[in-house]
Amino acid sequence: MAYSALEPQQVPSRMTGEVVPSSSQPGRHDAYLPSPCVQNHAANLAFLPEGTLTCVWFGGTMEGMGDISVYMSRLEPGARRWSEPEKMSDDPAKSEQNPLIFTAPDGRVWLLFTSQTSGNQDGAVVKRQISTDGGKSFGPTEVLCDIPGTFVRQPIIV
């Protein structure tokens, strides 16, 4: 996700989502996830209950703009390639960013992110989507915390 200044047609060929052995560190494997966006930021990794590794991030034309949305890609157990990115949020009037995945003690999986009017962090609120099937699908977006200026960024610890 390190190609924020490149146009989609300029994305290096290694950005395939394929998990490959590192050329510099034995035992390490790397994967460069593709994205349909010009800019990508604030990635978070988390495991789903059955062992799928997820990566969530926000992307669009420029941080803070109304086309910024949350994306998710998955790496299934034993897979050698990440899934194609899935757009998880899409409110054209808001910049939706700083996503994280959280498995609640009751087993539901939450996707949390901030939502703000373009360029106005003082008005940010926290939204969520909940999955009841282990993160395979997510329900509708709802406001979790409507206190203006509230942000999330780091994974939840219970």
Protein backbone atom coordinates (compact mmCIF):
# COMPACT_ATOMS: atom_id res chain seq x y z
CA MET A 1 0.00 0.00 0.00
CA ALA A 2 2.98 2.26 -0.46
CA TYR A 3 2.13 3.69 -3.86
CA SER A 4 -0.09 6.60 -2.90
CA ALA A 5 1.34 8.98 -5.50
CA LEU A 6 0.97 6.59 -8.45
CA GLU A 7 -1.88 6.50 -10.92
CA PRO A 8 -3.57 3.07 -11.10
CA GLN A 9 -1.95 2.30 -14.48
CA GLN A 10 1.51 2.96 -12.90
CA VAL A 11 1.13 0.43 -10.08
CA PRO A 12 4.18 -1.84 -10.06
CA SER A 13 3.54 -5.40 -11.19
CA ARG A 14 4.43 -6.77 -7.73
CA MET A 15 1.20 -5.26 -6.33
CA THR A 16 -0.71 -8.48 -7.00
CA GLY A 17 -1.66 -9.60 -3.50
CA GLU A 18 0.48 -12.73 -3.96
CA VAL A 19 2.31 -13.89 -0.82
CA VAL A 20 5.98 -14.43 -1.76
CA PRO A 21 9.16 -15.22 0.20
CA SER A 22 11.14 -12.11 1.12
CA SER A 23 14.35 -11.64 -0.82
CA SER A 24 15.99 -9.89 2.14
CA GLN A 25 14.88 -11.85 5.24
CA PRO A 26 14.70 -15.66 5.34
CA GLY A 27 11.44 -16.94 6.83
CA ARG A 28 9.52 -13.73 6.07
CA HIS A 29 6.85 -13.51 3.39
CA ASP A 30 5.57 -10.31 1.78
CA ALA A 31 2.47 -9.33 -0.14
CA TYR A 32 1.69 -6.05 -1.84
CA LEU A 33 -2.06 -5.53 -2.00
CA PRO A 34 -3.62 -3.94 -5.06
CA SER A 35 -6.05 -1.07 -4.61
CA PRO A 36 -8.37 0.76 -6.99
CA CYS A 37 -7.37 4.05 -5.33
CA VAL A 38 -4.65 6.59 -5.96
CA GLN A 39 -4.02 7.16 -2.24
CA ASN A 40 -4.20 4.48 0.47
CA HIS A 41 -3.56 4.96 4.18
CA ALA A 42 -3.96 3.70 7.75
CA ALA A 43 -3.94 -0.06 7.15
CA ASN A 44 -4.81 -2.39 10.01
CA LEU A 45 -4.42 -6.17 10.16
CA ALA A 46 -6.64 -8.47 12.21
CA PHE A 47 -7.58 -12.13 12.26
CA LEU A 48 -11.20 -13.23 11.91
CA PRO A 49 -12.44 -15.94 14.28
CA GLU A 50 -11.84 -18.83 11.82
CA GLY A 51 -8.29 -17.68 11.02
CA THR A 52 -8.67 -15.47 7.95
CA LEU A 53 -6.30 -12.50 8.07
CA THR A 54 -7.92 -9.20 7.10
CA CYS A 55 -6.40 -5.93 6.04
CA VAL A 56 -8.57 -2.80 6.18
CA TRP A 57 -7.51 0.67 5.02
CA PHE A 58 -8.95 3.82 3.51
CA GLY A 59 -8.39 5.03 0.00
CA GLY A 60 -9.50 7.57 -2.58
CA THR A 61 -8.05 10.58 -4.38
CA MET A 62 -6.82 12.46 -1.31
CA GLU A 63 -7.18 12.09 2.45
CA GLY A 64 -10.11 14.07 3.82
CA MET A 65 -12.01 14.23 0.51
CA GLY A 66 -15.54 12.90 0.03
CA ASP A 67 -14.43 9.99 -2.13
CA ILE A 68 -12.38 8.42 0.69
CA SER A 69 -13.85 5.01 1.55
CA VAL A 70 -12.91 1.97 3.62
CA TYR A 71 -11.59 -1.14 1.84
CA MET A 72 -10.95 -4.70 2.99
CA SER A 73 -8.92 -7.58 1.62
CA ARG A 74 -8.74 -11.10 3.08
CA LEU A 75 -6.09 -13.82 3.17
CA GLU A 76 -7.80 -17.15 3.81
CA PRO A 77 -5.90 -19.78 5.84
CA GLY A 78 -3.48 -21.57 3.52
CA ALA A 79 -4.04 -19.13 0.64
CA ARG A 80 -1.13 -17.66 -1.30
CA ARG A 81 -2.99 -14.56 -2.56
CA TRP A 82 -5.05 -11.85 -0.89
CA SER A 83 -8.60 -11.32 -2.15
CA GLU A 84 -9.47 -8.40 -4.39
CA PRO A 85 -10.17 -5.28 -2.29
CA GLU A 86 -13.81 -4.86 -1.30
CA LYS A 87 -15.25 -1.38 -0.76
CA MET A 88 -16.85 -1.47 2.69
CA SER A 89 -18.15 2.11 2.94
CA ASP A 90 -19.35 4.56 0.34
CA ASP A 91 -20.89 7.80 1.56
CA PRO A 92 -19.98 10.37 -1.14
CA ALA A 93 -20.66 13.23 1.29
CA LYS A 94 -18.16 11.91 3.88
CA SER A 95 -14.50 11.01 4.20
CA GLU A 96 -14.54 7.57 5.83
CA GLN A 97 -11.22 6.55 7.29
CA ASN A 98 -9.11 4.93 10.05
CA PRO A 99 -10.76 1.49 9.85
CA LEU A 100 -10.19 -1.40 12.22
CA ILE A 101 -11.61 -4.88 12.69
CA PHE A 102 -12.60 -6.07 16.16
CA THR A 103 -13.95 -9.44 17.25
CA ALA A 104 -16.22 -8.79 20.22
CA PRO A 105 -16.41 -11.22 23.17
CA ASP A 106 -19.81 -12.39 21.84
CA GLY A 107 -18.15 -13.49 18.56
CA ARG A 108 -19.57 -10.74 16.36
CA VAL A 109 -17.02 -8.98 14.16
CA TRP A 110 -17.11 -5.19 14.07
CA LEU A 111 -15.71 -2.94 11.37
CA LEU A 112 -15.21 0.52 12.90
CA PHE A 113 -14.18 3.71 11.12
CA THR A 114 -14.43 7.48 11.36
CA SER A 115 -16.69 9.55 9.12
CA GLN A 116 -16.43 13.26 8.54
CA THR A 117 -17.51 15.93 6.12
CA SER A 118 -14.66 16.58 3.69
CA GLY A 119 -11.81 18.36 5.43
CA ASN A 120 -13.63 18.79 8.76
CA GLN A 121 -12.08 16.51 11.39
CA ASP A 122 -13.83 18.46 14.14
CA GLY A 123 -17.10 16.90 13.01
CA ALA A 124 -15.86 13.29 12.79
CA VAL A 125 -18.05 10.55 14.25
CA VAL A 126 -17.41 6.83 14.65
CA LYS A 127 -19.42 4.37 12.56
CA ARG A 128 -19.57 0.60 12.56
CA GLN A 129 -20.78 -2.38 10.60
CA ILE A 130 -21.37 -5.70 12.35
CA SER A 131 -20.87 -9.20 11.00
CA THR A 132 -22.72 -12.12 12.56
CA ASP A 133 -21.11 -14.72 10.24
CA GLY A 134 -17.47 -14.39 11.31
CA GLY A 135 -16.63 -11.51 8.97
CA LYS A 136 -17.85 -13.03 5.70
CA SER A 137 -20.47 -10.28 5.33
CA PHE A 138 -21.33 -7.11 7.22
CA GLY A 139 -24.62 -5.43 8.05
CA PRO A 140 -25.59 -1.82 7.42
CA THR A 141 -23.51 1.12 8.59
CA GLU A 142 -24.64 2.71 11.84
CA VAL A 143 -23.29 5.51 14.00
CA LEU A 144 -21.59 4.13 17.11
CA CYS A 145 -20.45 7.44 18.65
CA ASP A 146 -21.95 10.73 17.49
CA ILE A 147 -19.80 13.05 19.61
CA PRO A 148 -18.20 15.39 17.02
CA GLY A 149 -14.43 15.12 16.78
CA THR A 150 -14.27 11.48 17.92
CA PHE A 151 -11.71 9.23 16.19
CA VAL A 152 -10.64 5.60 16.24
CA ARG A 153 -7.32 4.33 14.91
CA GLN A 154 -5.91 1.47 16.98
CA PRO A 155 -7.34 -2.02 17.56
CA ILE A 156 -9.60 -2.51 20.56
CA ILE A 157 -8.27 -4.46 23.54
CA VAL A 158 -10.80 -5.92 25.99
